[in-house]
C-alpha atoms as a PDB file:
ATOM      1  CA  UNK A   1     -10.737 -70.896  48.247  1.00  0.00           C
ATOM      2  CA  UNK A   2      -7.786 -71.533  45.949  1.00  0.00           C
ATOM      3  CA  UNK A   3      -6.379 -74.913  45.032  1.00  0.00           C
ATOM      4  CA  UNK A   4      -2.626 -74.802  45.589  1.00  0.00           C
ATOM      5  CA  UNK A   5      -0.353 -77.565  44.284  1.00  0.00           C
ATOM      6  CA  UNK A   6       3.034 -77.812  45.969  1.00  0.00           C
ATOM      7  CA  UNK A   7       5.864 -80.054  44.720  1.00  0.00           C
ATOM      8  CA  UNK A   8       8.857 -80.854  46.884  1.00  0.00           C
ATOM      9  CA  UNK A   9      11.860 -82.639  45.405  1.00  0.00           C
ATOM     10  CA  UNK A  10      14.345 -84.897  47.137  1.00  0.00           C
ATOM     11  CA  UNK A  11      16.614 -82.117  48.370  1.00  0.00           C
ATOM     12  CA  UNK A  12      13.636 -80.251  49.857  1.00  0.00           C
ATOM     13  CA  UNK A  13      12.767 -83.324  51.948  1.00  0.00           C
ATOM     14  CA  UNK A  14      16.322 -84.607  52.364  1.00  0.00           C
ATOM     15  CA  UNK A  15      16.579 -84.301  56.148  1.00  0.00           C
ATOM     16  CA  UNK A  16      14.168 -84.441  59.089  1.00  0.00           C
ATOM     17  CA  UNK A  17      14.522 -80.669  59.532  1.00  0.00           C
ATOM     18  CA  UNK A  18      13.654 -80.054  55.895  1.00  0.00           C
ATOM     19  CA  UNK A  19      10.657 -82.379  56.140  1.00  0.00           C
ATOM     20  CA  UNK A  20       9.432 -80.387  59.143  1.00  0.00           C
ATOM     21  CA  UNK A  21       9.831 -77.171  57.117  1.00  0.00           C
ATOM     22  CA  UNK A  22       7.854 -78.641  54.216  1.00  0.00           C
ATOM     23  CA  UNK A  23       5.117 -79.832  56.573  1.00  0.00           C
ATOM     24  CA  UNK A  24       4.931 -76.348  58.085  1.00  0.00           C
ATOM     25  CA  UNK A  25       4.611 -74.740  54.623  1.00  0.00           C
ATOM     26  CA  UNK A  26       1.829 -77.153  53.701  1.00  0.00           C
ATOM     27  CA  UNK A  27       0.000 -76.479  56.965  1.00  0.00           C
ATOM     28  CA  UNK A  28       0.451 -72.701  56.656  1.00  0.00           C
ATOM     29  CA  UNK A  29      -0.981 -72.773  53.132  1.00  0.00           C
ATOM     30  CA  UNK A  30      -3.959 -74.808  54.340  1.00  0.00           C
ATOM     31  CA  UNK A  31      -4.535 -72.578  57.359  1.00  0.00           C
ATOM     32  CA  UNK A  32      -4.578 -69.567  55.015  1.00  0.00           C
ATOM     33  CA  UNK A  33      -7.832 -70.992  53.645  1.00  0.00           C
ATOM     34  CA  UNK A  34      -6.509 -72.866  50.630  1.00  0.00           C
ATOM     35  CA  UNK A  35      -6.986 -76.416  49.471  1.00  0.00           C
ATOM     36  CA  UNK A  36      -3.554 -78.010  49.192  1.00  0.00           C
ATOM     37  CA  UNK A  37      -2.281 -80.853  47.065  1.00  0.00           C
ATOM     38  CA  UNK A  38       1.286 -81.746  47.999  1.00  0.00           C
ATOM     39  CA  UNK A  39       3.591 -83.936  45.949  1.00  0.00           C
ATOM     40  CA  UNK A  40       6.783 -85.158  47.604  1.00  0.00           C
ATOM     41  CA  UNK A  41       9.725 -87.081  46.245  1.00  0.00           C
ATOM     42  CA  UNK A  42      11.833 -89.635  48.023  1.00  0.00           C
ATOM     43  CA  UNK A  43      14.451 -88.118  50.312  1.00  0.00           C
ATOM     44  CA  UNK A  44      17.673 -87.053  48.597  1.00  0.00           C
ATOM     45  CA  UNK A  45      19.716 -90.101  47.580  1.00  0.00           C
ATOM     46  CA  UNK A  46      17.022 -92.621  48.494  1.00  0.00           C
ATOM     47  CA  UNK A  47      16.054 -93.554  44.930  1.00  0.00           C
ATOM     48  CA  UNK A  48      19.702 -94.158  44.008  1.00  0.00           C
ATOM     49  CA  UNK A  49      20.157 -96.242  47.162  1.00  0.00           C
ATOM     50  CA  UNK A  50      17.148 -98.396  46.282  1.00  0.00           C
ATOM     51  CA  UNK A  51      18.328 -98.888  42.689  1.00  0.00           C
ATOM     52  CA  UNK A  52      21.785 -99.914  43.923  1.00  0.00           C
ATOM     53  CA  UNK A  53      20.180-102.334  46.368  1.00  0.00           C
ATOM     54  CA  UNK A  54      18.090-103.867  43.568  1.00  0.00           C
ATOM     55  CA  UNK A  55      21.222-104.228  41.429  1.00  0.00           C
ATOM     56  CA  UNK A  56      23.036-105.905  44.311  1.00  0.00           C
ATOM     57  CA  UNK A  57      20.194-108.346  44.952  1.00  0.00           C
ATOM     58  CA  UNK A  58      19.520-109.273  41.328  1.00  0.00           C
ATOM     59  CA  UNK A  59      23.067-109.318  40.009  1.00  0.00           C
ATOM     60  CA  UNK A  60      23.967-109.022  36.354  1.00  0.00           C
ATOM     61  CA  UNK A  61      22.121-112.151  35.243  1.00  0.00           C
ATOM     62  CA  UNK A  62      18.634-110.947  36.138  1.00  0.00           C
ATOM     63  CA  UNK A  63      16.840-107.733  35.372  1.00  0.00           C
ATOM     64  CA  UNK A  64      13.832-106.906  37.538  1.00  0.00           C
ATOM     65  CA  UNK A  65      10.579-106.166  35.787  1.00  0.00           C
ATOM     66  CA  UNK A  66       9.326-102.613  35.525  1.00  0.00           C
ATOM     67  CA  UNK A  67       6.575-103.494  38.003  1.00  0.00           C
ATOM     68  CA  UNK A  68       9.091-104.700  40.591  1.00  0.00           C
ATOM     69  CA  UNK A  69      11.193-101.557  40.220  1.00  0.00           C
ATOM     70  CA  UNK A  70       8.090 -99.334  40.443  1.00  0.00           C
ATOM     71  CA  UNK A  71       7.012-101.022  43.681  1.00  0.00           C
ATOM     72  CA  UNK A  72      10.511-100.726  45.153  1.00  0.00           C
ATOM     73  CA  UNK A  73      10.993 -97.068  44.225  1.00  0.00           C
ATOM     74  CA  UNK A  74       7.525 -96.127  45.482  1.00  0.00           C
ATOM     75  CA  UNK A  75       8.691 -97.070  48.980  1.00  0.00           C
ATOM     76  CA  UNK A  76      10.982 -94.043  48.950  1.00  0.00           C
ATOM     77  CA  UNK A  77       8.095 -91.701  48.251  1.00  0.00           C
ATOM     78  CA  UNK A  78       5.803 -93.505  50.695  1.00  0.00           C
ATOM     79  CA  UNK A  79       8.387 -92.992  53.438  1.00  0.00           C
ATOM     80  CA  UNK A  80       8.508 -89.257  52.764  1.00  0.00           C
ATOM     81  CA  UNK A  81       4.704 -89.066  52.663  1.00  0.00           C
ATOM     82  CA  UNK A  82       4.443 -90.728  56.074  1.00  0.00           C
ATOM     83  CA  UNK A  83       7.151 -88.559  57.631  1.00  0.00           C
ATOM     84  CA  UNK A  84       5.612 -85.364  56.246  1.00  0.00           C
ATOM     85  CA  UNK A  85       2.184 -86.324  57.587  1.00  0.00           C
ATOM     86  CA  UNK A  86       3.544 -86.826  61.107  1.00  0.00           C
END
C-alpha cells in the first residue's frame, strides 16, 4: 500500500464541479488500494475576499493580529475541506 499525497490549489477547487472532480480523484486513489493524504486550499478568490473583508472591518487605524488573520483565513480552507468530504 502506497502513501499518496495530493495537493489541490484554489483553482482546482474553485467551483462545485471542480470540487466534485477532486473528491472523485481522491476516492479513486483510495479505492486503488492507496492511503491518501489530501491537502486543499481555499476556493479560488476566497482568501483575497477574506483579506478584503478584514481590511474593511478593521479600517486603516487597526491592524489585526497574526492570530486573528490565521483564524479568519483558515475558514476558507475549512469550507473546502467540508465540501470535498461531502
